[in-house]
């Protein structure tokens, strides 16, 4: 169960931030640098992490891979203004 928490919470929280940016149609209060650092951290965790079972690999992909993609979209949205 503990492996599913980050697999669900991390991408959901990031997707919610992305949704909030689009609904508000404003990037005020959001930092491209901060989200870029989250992107790098998620990529590092994805590529350096070890998973020994298919379920653990899926959990890592959801937690860090999907979140990294959403982080990238956030950074691009913030930079686009």
N, C-alpha and C. Protein backbone atom coordinates (compact mmCIF):
# COMPACT_ATOMS: atom_id res chain seq x y z
N UNK A 1 0.81 -1.20 0.00
CA UNK A 1 0.00 0.00 0.00
C UNK A 1 0.86 1.26 0.00
N UNK A 2 1.95 1.24 0.73
CA UNK A 2 2.80 2.43 0.84
C UNK A 2 3.37 2.84 -0.52
N UNK A 3 3.61 1.89 -1.40
CA UNK A 3 4.12 2.23 -2.73
C UNK A 3 3.10 2.91 -3.61
N UNK A 4 1.83 2.66 -3.35
CA UNK A 4 0.77 3.28 -4.16
C UNK A 4 0.50 4.72 -3.75
N UNK A 5 0.82 5.09 -2.51
CA UNK A 5 0.57 6.46 -2.08
C UNK A 5 1.30 7.49 -2.94
N UNK A 6 2.62 7.39 -3.12
CA UNK A 6 3.28 8.37 -4.00
C UNK A 6 2.87 8.20 -5.46
N UNK A 7 2.53 6.97 -5.86
CA UNK A 7 2.13 6.73 -7.25
C UNK A 7 0.83 7.44 -7.58
N UNK A 8 0.00 7.67 -6.59
CA UNK A 8 -1.27 8.36 -6.80
C UNK A 8 -1.17 9.83 -6.41
N UNK A 9 -0.57 10.11 -5.27
CA UNK A 9 -0.56 11.47 -4.74
C UNK A 9 0.31 12.42 -5.56
N UNK A 10 1.51 12.01 -5.92
CA UNK A 10 2.41 12.94 -6.64
C UNK A 10 1.84 13.41 -7.98
N UNK A 11 1.41 12.50 -8.87
CA UNK A 11 0.86 13.00 -10.13
C UNK A 11 -0.47 13.73 -9.94
N UNK A 12 -1.27 13.31 -8.97
CA UNK A 12 -2.55 13.98 -8.74
C UNK A 12 -2.34 15.41 -8.24
N UNK A 13 -1.43 15.59 -7.31
CA UNK A 13 -1.14 16.93 -6.79
C UNK A 13 -0.59 17.84 -7.89
N UNK A 14 0.29 17.30 -8.72
CA UNK A 14 0.87 18.09 -9.79
C UNK A 14 -0.17 18.42 -10.86
N UNK A 15 -1.02 17.46 -11.17
CA UNK A 15 -2.09 17.70 -12.14
C UNK A 15 -3.06 18.76 -11.62
N UNK A 16 -3.32 18.75 -10.34
CA UNK A 16 -4.21 19.76 -9.74
C UNK A 16 -3.60 21.15 -9.86
N UNK A 17 -2.29 21.27 -9.67
CA UNK A 17 -1.63 22.57 -9.83
C UNK A 17 -1.72 23.03 -11.28
N UNK A 18 -1.53 22.11 -12.20
CA UNK A 18 -1.63 22.44 -13.62
C UNK A 18 -3.05 22.87 -13.97
N UNK A 19 -4.04 22.17 -13.44
CA UNK A 19 -5.44 22.54 -13.66
C UNK A 19 -5.72 23.94 -13.11
N UNK A 20 -5.19 24.23 -11.93
CA UNK A 20 -5.40 25.53 -11.32
C UNK A 20 -4.80 26.65 -12.18
N UNK A 21 -3.65 26.38 -12.78
CA UNK A 21 -3.03 27.39 -13.66
C UNK A 21 -3.92 27.68 -14.86
N UNK A 22 -4.47 26.63 -15.45
CA UNK A 22 -5.31 26.84 -16.63
C UNK A 22 -6.63 27.51 -16.28
N UNK A 23 -7.23 27.12 -15.17
CA UNK A 23 -8.51 27.71 -14.78
C UNK A 23 -8.33 29.19 -14.44
N UNK A 24 -7.29 29.51 -13.70
CA UNK A 24 -7.04 30.90 -13.31
C UNK A 24 -6.51 31.71 -14.49
N UNK A 25 -6.00 31.04 -15.50
CA UNK A 25 -5.38 31.70 -16.65
C UNK A 25 -4.33 32.72 -16.22
N UNK A 26 -3.60 32.34 -15.17
CA UNK A 26 -2.54 33.20 -14.63
C UNK A 26 -1.47 32.31 -14.02
N UNK A 27 -0.23 32.73 -14.18
CA UNK A 27 0.87 31.98 -13.60
C UNK A 27 1.43 32.69 -12.37
N UNK A 28 0.75 33.72 -11.92
CA UNK A 28 1.20 34.49 -10.76
C UNK A 28 1.40 33.58 -9.56
N UNK A 29 2.52 33.77 -8.89
CA UNK A 29 2.81 32.99 -7.70
C UNK A 29 3.44 31.64 -7.95
N UNK A 30 3.70 31.32 -9.21
CA UNK A 30 4.33 30.04 -9.55
C UNK A 30 5.73 30.29 -10.08
N UNK A 31 6.64 29.45 -9.69
CA UNK A 31 8.04 29.61 -10.05
C UNK A 31 8.48 28.53 -11.04
N UNK A 32 8.95 28.96 -12.20
CA UNK A 32 9.48 28.02 -13.18
C UNK A 32 10.70 27.29 -12.62
N UNK A 33 11.51 27.98 -11.83
CA UNK A 33 12.69 27.35 -11.24
C UNK A 33 12.29 26.23 -10.28
N UNK A 34 11.31 26.50 -9.44
CA UNK A 34 10.86 25.48 -8.48
C UNK A 34 10.35 24.24 -9.21
N UNK A 35 9.50 24.44 -10.20
CA UNK A 35 8.94 23.29 -10.92
C UNK A 35 10.01 22.59 -11.75
N UNK A 36 11.01 23.33 -12.22
CA UNK A 36 12.13 22.70 -12.94
C UNK A 36 12.93 21.80 -11.99
N UNK A 37 13.10 22.25 -10.77
CA UNK A 37 13.81 21.44 -9.78
C UNK A 37 13.01 20.20 -9.42
N UNK A 38 11.68 20.33 -9.30
CA UNK A 38 10.84 19.15 -9.08
C UNK A 38 10.98 18.19 -10.26
N UNK A 39 11.01 18.71 -11.46
CA UNK A 39 11.18 17.89 -12.66
C UNK A 39 12.48 17.10 -12.58
N UNK A 40 13.58 17.77 -12.27
CA UNK A 40 14.87 17.09 -12.17
C UNK A 40 14.88 16.05 -11.05
N UNK A 41 14.27 16.38 -9.92
CA UNK A 41 14.21 15.43 -8.80
C UNK A 41 13.41 14.19 -9.18
N UNK A 42 12.29 14.38 -9.86
CA UNK A 42 11.48 13.23 -10.27
C UNK A 42 12.20 12.37 -11.30
N UNK A 43 12.88 13.01 -12.24
CA UNK A 43 13.65 12.23 -13.22
C UNK A 43 14.77 11.45 -12.54
N UNK A 44 15.46 12.09 -11.59
CA UNK A 44 16.51 11.41 -10.85
C UNK A 44 15.97 10.20 -10.10
N UNK A 45 14.84 10.38 -9.43
CA UNK A 45 14.24 9.27 -8.69
C UNK A 45 13.81 8.15 -9.63
N UNK A 46 13.29 8.52 -10.79
CA UNK A 46 12.84 7.53 -11.76
C UNK A 46 14.01 6.72 -12.30
N UNK A 47 15.08 7.40 -12.69
CA UNK A 47 16.20 6.71 -13.34
C UNK A 47 17.17 6.05 -12.36
N UNK A 48 17.25 6.58 -11.15
CA UNK A 48 18.19 6.01 -10.19
C UNK A 48 17.54 5.03 -9.23
N UNK A 49 16.22 5.05 -9.17
CA UNK A 49 15.51 4.14 -8.28
C UNK A 49 15.58 2.71 -8.77
N UNK A 50 15.42 1.80 -7.86
CA UNK A 50 15.42 0.39 -8.23
C UNK A 50 14.08 -0.22 -7.84
N UNK A 51 13.55 -1.00 -8.72
CA UNK A 51 12.30 -1.70 -8.47
C UNK A 51 12.49 -3.14 -8.92
N UNK A 52 12.16 -4.06 -8.06
CA UNK A 52 12.42 -5.47 -8.36
C UNK A 52 11.21 -6.22 -8.87
N UNK A 53 10.05 -5.64 -8.76
CA UNK A 53 8.84 -6.33 -9.22
C UNK A 53 8.12 -5.46 -10.25
N UNK A 54 7.31 -6.06 -11.09
CA UNK A 54 6.55 -5.27 -12.07
C UNK A 54 5.63 -4.24 -11.40
N UNK A 55 5.07 -4.58 -10.26
CA UNK A 55 4.19 -3.63 -9.56
C UNK A 55 5.01 -2.44 -9.06
N UNK A 56 6.18 -2.70 -8.51
CA UNK A 56 7.04 -1.62 -8.03
C UNK A 56 7.49 -0.73 -9.18
N UNK A 57 7.77 -1.34 -10.33
CA UNK A 57 8.15 -0.54 -11.51
C UNK A 57 7.01 0.35 -11.96
N UNK A 58 5.79 -0.18 -11.93
CA UNK A 58 4.61 0.62 -12.27
C UNK A 58 4.44 1.76 -11.28
N UNK A 59 4.60 1.48 -10.02
CA UNK A 59 4.46 2.52 -8.99
C UNK A 59 5.49 3.62 -9.19
N UNK A 60 6.73 3.24 -9.49
CA UNK A 60 7.78 4.25 -9.73
C UNK A 60 7.47 5.06 -10.97
N UNK A 61 7.01 4.41 -12.01
CA UNK A 61 6.69 5.12 -13.25
C UNK A 61 5.56 6.12 -13.02
N UNK A 62 4.55 5.71 -12.31
CA UNK A 62 3.44 6.62 -12.01
C UNK A 62 3.89 7.76 -11.10
N UNK A 63 4.61 7.41 -10.04
CA UNK A 63 5.02 8.41 -9.06
C UNK A 63 5.98 9.43 -9.65
N UNK A 64 6.97 8.96 -10.36
CA UNK A 64 8.04 9.85 -10.80
C UNK A 64 7.99 10.18 -12.29
N UNK A 65 7.65 9.22 -13.14
CA UNK A 65 7.61 9.47 -14.58
C UNK A 65 6.46 10.37 -14.98
N UNK A 66 5.26 10.02 -14.55
CA UNK A 66 4.09 10.84 -14.90
C UNK A 66 4.22 12.23 -14.27
N UNK A 67 4.69 12.27 -13.03
CA UNK A 67 4.87 13.56 -12.36
C UNK A 67 5.91 14.41 -13.09
N UNK A 68 6.98 13.80 -13.58
CA UNK A 68 8.00 14.55 -14.31
C UNK A 68 7.41 15.16 -15.59
N UNK A 69 6.59 14.41 -16.29
CA UNK A 69 5.96 14.94 -17.51
C UNK A 69 5.05 16.12 -17.15
N UNK A 70 4.27 15.98 -16.09
CA UNK A 70 3.40 17.07 -15.66
C UNK A 70 4.21 18.28 -15.20
N UNK A 71 5.34 18.03 -14.52
CA UNK A 71 6.23 19.13 -14.13
C UNK A 71 6.71 19.89 -15.36
N UNK A 72 7.08 19.16 -16.40
CA UNK A 72 7.54 19.80 -17.63
C UNK A 72 6.44 20.67 -18.24
N UNK A 73 5.23 20.16 -18.27
CA UNK A 73 4.11 20.94 -18.80
C UNK A 73 3.90 22.20 -17.96
N UNK A 74 4.01 22.07 -16.64
CA UNK A 74 3.89 23.23 -15.76
C UNK A 74 4.95 24.28 -16.06
N UNK A 75 6.19 23.84 -16.19
CA UNK A 75 7.28 24.78 -16.48
C UNK A 75 7.03 25.50 -17.80
N UNK A 76 6.63 24.76 -18.82
CA UNK A 76 6.36 25.38 -20.11
C UNK A 76 5.21 26.36 -20.02
N UNK A 77 4.18 26.01 -19.27
CA UNK A 77 3.03 26.91 -19.09
C UNK A 77 3.43 28.18 -18.37
N UNK A 78 4.25 28.05 -17.32
CA UNK A 78 4.71 29.22 -16.57
C UNK A 78 5.56 30.12 -17.44
N UNK A 79 6.46 29.51 -18.19
CA UNK A 79 7.34 30.31 -19.06
C UNK A 79 6.56 30.99 -20.19
N UNK A 80 5.50 30.36 -20.65
CA UNK A 80 4.68 30.94 -21.71
C UNK A 80 3.84 32.11 -21.18
N UNK A 81 3.67 32.13 -19.85
CA UNK A 81 2.91 33.24 -19.24
C UNK A 81 1.49 32.95 -19.32
